[in-house]
N, C-alpha and C. Protein backbone atom coordinates (compact mmCIF):
# COMPACT_ATOMS: atom_id res chain seq x y z
N UNK A 1 -25.91 48.26 -7.88
CA UNK A 1 -24.97 49.18 -8.49
C UNK A 1 -25.53 50.59 -8.38
N UNK A 2 -24.66 51.54 -8.22
CA UNK A 2 -25.04 52.93 -8.06
C UNK A 2 -25.21 53.58 -9.43
N UNK A 3 -26.47 53.72 -9.89
CA UNK A 3 -26.75 54.28 -11.20
C UNK A 3 -26.26 55.71 -11.34
N UNK A 4 -26.37 56.49 -10.27
CA UNK A 4 -25.91 57.89 -10.32
C UNK A 4 -24.41 57.96 -10.56
N UNK A 5 -23.65 57.03 -9.98
CA UNK A 5 -22.20 57.03 -10.17
C UNK A 5 -21.86 56.70 -11.61
N UNK A 6 -22.58 55.77 -12.21
CA UNK A 6 -22.33 55.41 -13.60
C UNK A 6 -22.64 56.59 -14.52
N UNK A 7 -23.77 57.25 -14.29
CA UNK A 7 -24.14 58.40 -15.11
C UNK A 7 -23.12 59.52 -14.95
N UNK A 8 -22.68 59.79 -13.72
CA UNK A 8 -21.69 60.84 -13.47
C UNK A 8 -20.37 60.50 -14.17
N UNK A 9 -19.95 59.24 -14.13
CA UNK A 9 -18.71 58.83 -14.79
C UNK A 9 -18.82 59.04 -16.30
N UNK A 10 -19.98 58.76 -16.87
CA UNK A 10 -20.17 58.92 -18.31
C UNK A 10 -20.20 60.41 -18.68
N UNK A 11 -20.90 61.22 -17.92
CA UNK A 11 -21.10 62.62 -18.27
C UNK A 11 -19.92 63.51 -17.93
N UNK A 12 -19.20 63.20 -16.85
CA UNK A 12 -18.17 64.11 -16.36
C UNK A 12 -16.74 63.60 -16.59
N UNK A 13 -16.59 62.53 -17.34
CA UNK A 13 -15.26 61.93 -17.47
C UNK A 13 -14.66 62.16 -18.84
N UNK A 14 -13.38 61.85 -18.93
CA UNK A 14 -12.66 61.88 -20.20
C UNK A 14 -12.66 60.47 -20.76
N UNK A 15 -12.68 60.35 -22.05
CA UNK A 15 -12.61 59.05 -22.69
C UNK A 15 -11.28 58.37 -22.40
N UNK A 16 -11.30 57.03 -22.40
CA UNK A 16 -10.07 56.27 -22.19
C UNK A 16 -9.69 56.08 -20.74
N UNK A 17 -10.51 56.55 -19.82
CA UNK A 17 -10.23 56.40 -18.39
C UNK A 17 -10.98 55.19 -17.85
N UNK A 18 -10.53 54.67 -16.72
CA UNK A 18 -11.17 53.53 -16.08
C UNK A 18 -11.82 54.00 -14.79
N UNK A 19 -13.07 53.59 -14.57
CA UNK A 19 -13.79 53.94 -13.36
C UNK A 19 -14.32 52.65 -12.74
N UNK A 20 -14.13 52.49 -11.45
CA UNK A 20 -14.65 51.35 -10.73
C UNK A 20 -15.80 51.83 -9.86
N UNK A 21 -16.97 51.31 -10.09
CA UNK A 21 -18.15 51.69 -9.32
C UNK A 21 -18.45 50.54 -8.37
N UNK A 22 -18.53 50.85 -7.09
CA UNK A 22 -18.77 49.82 -6.08
C UNK A 22 -20.01 50.16 -5.27
N UNK A 23 -20.31 49.33 -4.33
CA UNK A 23 -21.44 49.56 -3.44
C UNK A 23 -21.08 50.50 -2.30
N UNK A 24 -19.86 51.03 -2.30
CA UNK A 24 -19.43 51.96 -1.27
C UNK A 24 -18.79 51.30 -0.06
N UNK A 25 -18.75 49.97 -0.05
CA UNK A 25 -18.13 49.26 1.07
C UNK A 25 -16.62 49.51 1.07
N UNK A 26 -16.07 49.82 2.25
CA UNK A 26 -14.63 50.06 2.34
C UNK A 26 -13.89 48.74 2.26
N UNK A 27 -12.78 48.75 1.54
CA UNK A 27 -11.93 47.56 1.45
C UNK A 27 -10.52 48.01 1.10
N UNK A 28 -9.51 47.26 1.56
CA UNK A 28 -8.13 47.60 1.20
C UNK A 28 -7.92 47.45 -0.31
N UNK A 29 -6.97 48.22 -0.86
CA UNK A 29 -6.69 48.18 -2.28
C UNK A 29 -6.32 46.78 -2.74
N UNK A 30 -5.56 46.04 -1.92
CA UNK A 30 -5.18 44.67 -2.28
C UNK A 30 -6.42 43.80 -2.46
N UNK A 31 -7.38 43.91 -1.57
CA UNK A 31 -8.62 43.14 -1.67
C UNK A 31 -9.39 43.52 -2.93
N UNK A 32 -9.44 44.80 -3.21
CA UNK A 32 -10.15 45.31 -4.39
C UNK A 32 -9.59 44.68 -5.66
N UNK A 33 -8.26 44.72 -5.83
CA UNK A 33 -7.66 44.17 -7.04
C UNK A 33 -7.70 42.65 -7.07
N UNK A 34 -7.63 42.02 -5.91
CA UNK A 34 -7.75 40.56 -5.86
C UNK A 34 -9.12 40.14 -6.38
N UNK A 35 -10.16 40.86 -5.99
CA UNK A 35 -11.51 40.54 -6.46
C UNK A 35 -11.65 40.76 -7.96
N UNK A 36 -11.02 41.79 -8.48
CA UNK A 36 -11.06 42.03 -9.93
C UNK A 36 -10.36 40.90 -10.67
N UNK A 37 -9.19 40.49 -10.20
CA UNK A 37 -8.46 39.39 -10.84
C UNK A 37 -9.28 38.10 -10.81
N UNK A 38 -9.87 37.80 -9.67
CA UNK A 38 -10.68 36.57 -9.56
C UNK A 38 -11.89 36.62 -10.50
N UNK A 39 -12.47 37.79 -10.67
CA UNK A 39 -13.60 37.92 -11.60
C UNK A 39 -13.18 37.60 -13.03
N UNK A 40 -11.91 37.81 -13.32
CA UNK A 40 -11.36 37.52 -14.65
C UNK A 40 -10.81 36.10 -14.74
N UNK A 41 -10.97 35.33 -13.66
CA UNK A 41 -10.50 33.95 -13.66
C UNK A 41 -9.03 33.79 -13.35
N UNK A 42 -8.42 34.82 -12.75
CA UNK A 42 -6.99 34.79 -12.41
C UNK A 42 -6.87 34.67 -10.90
N UNK A 43 -6.16 33.65 -10.44
CA UNK A 43 -5.94 33.49 -9.00
C UNK A 43 -4.61 34.17 -8.65
N UNK A 44 -4.65 35.30 -7.92
CA UNK A 44 -3.43 36.05 -7.66
C UNK A 44 -2.49 35.42 -6.64
N UNK A 45 -2.95 34.42 -5.92
CA UNK A 45 -2.09 33.85 -4.88
C UNK A 45 -2.00 34.80 -3.71
N UNK A 46 -1.00 34.63 -2.89
CA UNK A 46 -0.84 35.50 -1.73
C UNK A 46 0.64 35.86 -1.56
N UNK A 47 1.21 36.54 -2.56
CA UNK A 47 2.62 36.93 -2.41
C UNK A 47 2.77 37.97 -1.31
N UNK A 48 3.88 37.92 -0.63
CA UNK A 48 4.10 38.84 0.47
C UNK A 48 5.52 39.38 0.41
N UNK A 49 5.66 40.67 0.54
CA UNK A 49 6.95 41.33 0.61
C UNK A 49 6.85 42.30 1.78
N UNK A 50 7.73 42.20 2.75
CA UNK A 50 7.66 43.13 3.89
C UNK A 50 7.66 44.59 3.42
N UNK A 51 6.86 45.40 4.09
CA UNK A 51 6.72 46.81 3.72
C UNK A 51 8.06 47.53 3.63
N UNK A 52 8.92 47.32 4.61
CA UNK A 52 10.22 48.00 4.61
C UNK A 52 11.06 47.64 3.40
N UNK A 53 11.06 46.37 3.03
CA UNK A 53 11.81 45.93 1.86
C UNK A 53 11.19 46.50 0.58
N UNK A 54 9.87 46.51 0.51
CA UNK A 54 9.20 47.07 -0.67
C UNK A 54 9.54 48.56 -0.82
N UNK A 55 9.54 49.29 0.29
CA UNK A 55 9.89 50.72 0.23
C UNK A 55 11.34 50.92 -0.19
N UNK A 56 12.25 50.12 0.35
CA UNK A 56 13.66 50.23 -0.01
C UNK A 56 13.83 50.00 -1.51
N UNK A 57 13.22 48.95 -2.04
CA UNK A 57 13.31 48.66 -3.47
C UNK A 57 12.72 49.81 -4.28
N UNK A 58 11.58 50.33 -3.84
CA UNK A 58 10.92 51.42 -4.57
C UNK A 58 11.79 52.67 -4.61
N UNK A 59 12.40 53.02 -3.49
CA UNK A 59 13.27 54.21 -3.47
C UNK A 59 14.52 54.01 -4.33
N UNK A 60 15.08 52.82 -4.31
CA UNK A 60 16.26 52.53 -5.15
C UNK A 60 15.90 52.61 -6.63
N UNK A 61 14.79 52.00 -7.01
CA UNK A 61 14.36 52.04 -8.41
C UNK A 61 14.08 53.48 -8.84
N UNK A 62 13.40 54.24 -7.99
CA UNK A 62 13.11 55.63 -8.32
C UNK A 62 14.40 56.43 -8.52
N UNK A 63 15.37 56.23 -7.65
CA UNK A 63 16.66 56.90 -7.77
C UNK A 63 17.38 56.50 -9.06
N UNK A 64 17.38 55.21 -9.37
CA UNK A 64 18.03 54.74 -10.60
C UNK A 64 17.39 55.37 -11.83
N UNK A 65 16.06 55.47 -11.85
CA UNK A 65 15.37 56.07 -12.99
C UNK A 65 15.81 57.53 -13.15
N UNK A 66 15.95 58.26 -12.03
CA UNK A 66 16.38 59.65 -12.11
C UNK A 66 17.83 59.76 -12.56
N UNK A 67 18.71 58.93 -12.00
CA UNK A 67 20.13 58.98 -12.36
C UNK A 67 20.37 58.60 -13.82
N UNK A 68 19.59 57.66 -14.32
CA UNK A 68 19.74 57.21 -15.70
C UNK A 68 18.98 58.09 -16.69
N UNK A 69 18.20 59.04 -16.16
CA UNK A 69 17.46 59.96 -17.02
C UNK A 69 16.38 59.27 -17.85
N UNK A 70 15.81 58.21 -17.32
CA UNK A 70 14.77 57.49 -18.04
C UNK A 70 13.47 58.28 -18.01
N UNK A 71 12.81 58.39 -19.15
CA UNK A 71 11.60 59.21 -19.25
C UNK A 71 10.33 58.49 -18.83
N UNK A 72 10.29 57.18 -19.01
CA UNK A 72 9.07 56.46 -18.65
C UNK A 72 9.00 56.27 -17.13
N UNK A 73 7.81 55.93 -16.67
CA UNK A 73 7.63 55.72 -15.23
C UNK A 73 8.36 54.45 -14.79
N UNK A 74 8.90 54.48 -13.57
CA UNK A 74 9.53 53.25 -13.06
C UNK A 74 8.45 52.20 -12.74
N UNK A 75 8.83 50.93 -12.72
CA UNK A 75 7.84 49.88 -12.46
C UNK A 75 7.29 49.89 -11.03
N UNK A 76 8.01 50.53 -10.12
CA UNK A 76 7.54 50.67 -8.74
C UNK A 76 8.07 51.99 -8.21
N UNK A 77 7.26 52.63 -7.38
CA UNK A 77 7.64 53.90 -6.76
C UNK A 77 7.12 53.88 -5.33
N UNK A 78 7.73 54.66 -4.45
CA UNK A 78 7.28 54.68 -3.05
C UNK A 78 5.79 54.95 -2.89
N UNK A 79 5.24 55.81 -3.72
CA UNK A 79 3.81 56.13 -3.60
C UNK A 79 2.96 54.89 -3.83
N UNK A 80 3.43 53.96 -4.65
CA UNK A 80 2.68 52.72 -4.88
C UNK A 80 2.63 51.87 -3.61
N UNK A 81 3.73 51.83 -2.89
CA UNK A 81 3.78 51.05 -1.65
C UNK A 81 2.86 51.69 -0.62
N UNK A 82 2.96 53.02 -0.49
CA UNK A 82 2.09 53.71 0.48
C UNK A 82 0.62 53.57 0.11
N UNK A 83 0.29 53.65 -1.19
CA UNK A 83 -1.09 53.54 -1.65
C UNK A 83 -1.69 52.17 -1.35
N UNK A 84 -0.87 51.15 -1.40
CA UNK A 84 -1.36 49.79 -1.22
C UNK A 84 -1.81 49.50 0.20
N UNK A 85 -1.42 50.34 1.14
CA UNK A 85 -1.78 50.06 2.53
C UNK A 85 -2.90 50.97 3.03
N UNK A 86 -3.50 51.74 2.15
CA UNK A 86 -4.56 52.66 2.56
C UNK A 86 -5.91 52.21 2.01
N UNK A 87 -6.98 52.70 2.62
CA UNK A 87 -8.35 52.43 2.16
C UNK A 87 -8.81 53.65 1.39
N UNK A 88 -9.53 53.44 0.32
CA UNK A 88 -9.99 54.55 -0.50
C UNK A 88 -11.48 54.45 -0.74
N UNK A 89 -12.14 55.59 -0.62
CA UNK A 89 -13.53 55.70 -1.02
C UNK A 89 -13.65 57.03 -1.79
N UNK A 90 -14.19 56.93 -2.99
CA UNK A 90 -14.40 58.13 -3.79
C UNK A 90 -15.90 58.30 -3.96
N UNK A 91 -16.39 59.43 -3.59
CA UNK A 91 -17.82 59.70 -3.74
C UNK A 91 -17.99 60.77 -4.81
N UNK A 92 -18.92 60.51 -5.70
CA UNK A 92 -19.18 61.47 -6.78
C UNK A 92 -20.24 62.45 -6.35
């Protein structure tokens, strides 16, 4: 574990936030969350929704939230679909 990352998260962060400290190995977001679920004893399975369909649903839901004037965040948004297909590495 990266001790410097833990210290930086403690010293430079706001309370109530979540920080994931890894060994720096790149992995897709889906793999990252699958490993977290398995560590908690939850088997996520392998659900699959084609990207195009997921985006269509996300755009429709986002539009409905705007049209209905709902203040809370929608359960899915296009940015969530795009985020799920990218690799992320954050260096402190």
